[in-house]
């Protein structure tokens, strides 16, 4: 089990999400999981996120409920 969990919420961030995920995955500390919550994006954010195959990345796709809902 990882020591750290990073939660990244996204709503229509296709333009920036790849760079953000790359930055997280390239940290020197490696013992973490990255949970990405796609909060009902209407752009291609989910398609971009699904391109990542790193085993530390987990994806949750949910209907839009706002940032607080996505974090919970």
Protein backbone atom coordinates (compact mmCIF):
# COMPACT_ATOMS: atom_id res chain seq x y z
CA UNK A 1 0.00 0.00 0.00
CA UNK A 2 1.38 3.45 -0.91
CA UNK A 3 2.33 5.87 1.82
CA UNK A 4 0.81 8.90 0.10
CA UNK A 5 -2.34 9.42 -1.93
CA UNK A 6 -2.55 12.38 -4.29
CA UNK A 7 -6.05 13.39 -5.36
CA UNK A 8 -6.40 15.41 -8.54
CA UNK A 9 -9.82 16.66 -9.55
CA UNK A 10 -10.54 17.73 -13.09
CA UNK A 11 -13.38 19.43 -14.90
CA UNK A 12 -12.64 20.39 -18.52
CA UNK A 13 -8.88 20.58 -18.03
CA UNK A 14 -7.80 18.64 -21.13
CA UNK A 15 -5.44 21.46 -22.07
CA UNK A 16 -3.44 21.10 -18.82
CA UNK A 17 -4.09 17.64 -17.41
CA UNK A 18 -1.25 15.81 -19.22
CA UNK A 19 1.38 18.26 -17.98
CA UNK A 20 -0.05 18.10 -14.45
CA UNK A 21 -0.04 14.30 -14.33
CA UNK A 22 3.48 14.12 -15.80
CA UNK A 23 4.68 16.53 -13.13
CA UNK A 24 3.17 14.41 -10.35
CA UNK A 25 4.54 11.14 -11.74
CA UNK A 26 8.04 12.61 -12.17
CA UNK A 27 8.52 13.53 -8.52
CA UNK A 28 11.56 12.03 -6.81
CA UNK A 29 9.31 10.45 -4.18
CA UNK A 30 7.75 7.41 -5.87
CA UNK A 31 5.72 5.62 -3.18
CA UNK A 32 2.33 7.16 -3.90
CA UNK A 33 -0.91 6.58 -5.73
CA UNK A 34 -2.55 9.22 -7.89
CA UNK A 35 -6.34 9.26 -7.89
CA UNK A 36 -7.75 11.37 -10.69
CA UNK A 37 -11.41 12.30 -10.36
CA UNK A 38 -12.95 13.35 -13.65
CA UNK A 39 -15.88 15.48 -12.54
CA UNK A 40 -18.08 15.09 -15.62
CA UNK A 41 -15.77 16.89 -18.05
CA UNK A 42 -17.32 17.76 -21.39
CA UNK A 43 -13.98 18.10 -23.21
CA UNK A 44 -11.55 15.23 -23.87
CA UNK A 45 -10.00 15.27 -20.37
CA UNK A 46 -10.96 11.65 -19.71
CA UNK A 47 -9.40 10.52 -23.01
CA UNK A 48 -6.14 12.22 -22.07
CA UNK A 49 -6.14 10.70 -18.59
CA UNK A 50 -6.87 7.22 -19.95
CA UNK A 51 -3.62 7.33 -21.95
CA UNK A 52 -1.59 6.97 -18.75
CA UNK A 53 -0.63 3.38 -17.99
CA UNK A 54 1.36 3.93 -14.80
CA UNK A 55 0.09 1.48 -12.18
CA UNK A 56 0.02 4.27 -9.57
CA UNK A 57 -2.73 6.10 -11.49
CA UNK A 58 -6.36 5.35 -10.60
CA UNK A 59 -9.22 7.05 -12.45
CA UNK A 60 -12.68 7.81 -11.15
CA UNK A 61 -15.21 9.13 -13.66
CA UNK A 62 -18.33 10.69 -12.14
CA UNK A 63 -21.11 13.05 -13.18
CA UNK A 64 -20.37 16.71 -12.54
CA UNK A 65 -21.01 17.65 -8.94
CA UNK A 66 -18.51 20.43 -8.34
CA UNK A 67 -15.05 20.49 -6.82
CA UNK A 68 -16.14 19.64 -3.28
CA UNK A 69 -18.10 16.64 -4.50
CA UNK A 70 -15.14 15.48 -6.59
CA UNK A 71 -12.76 15.70 -3.63
CA UNK A 72 -15.13 13.75 -1.40
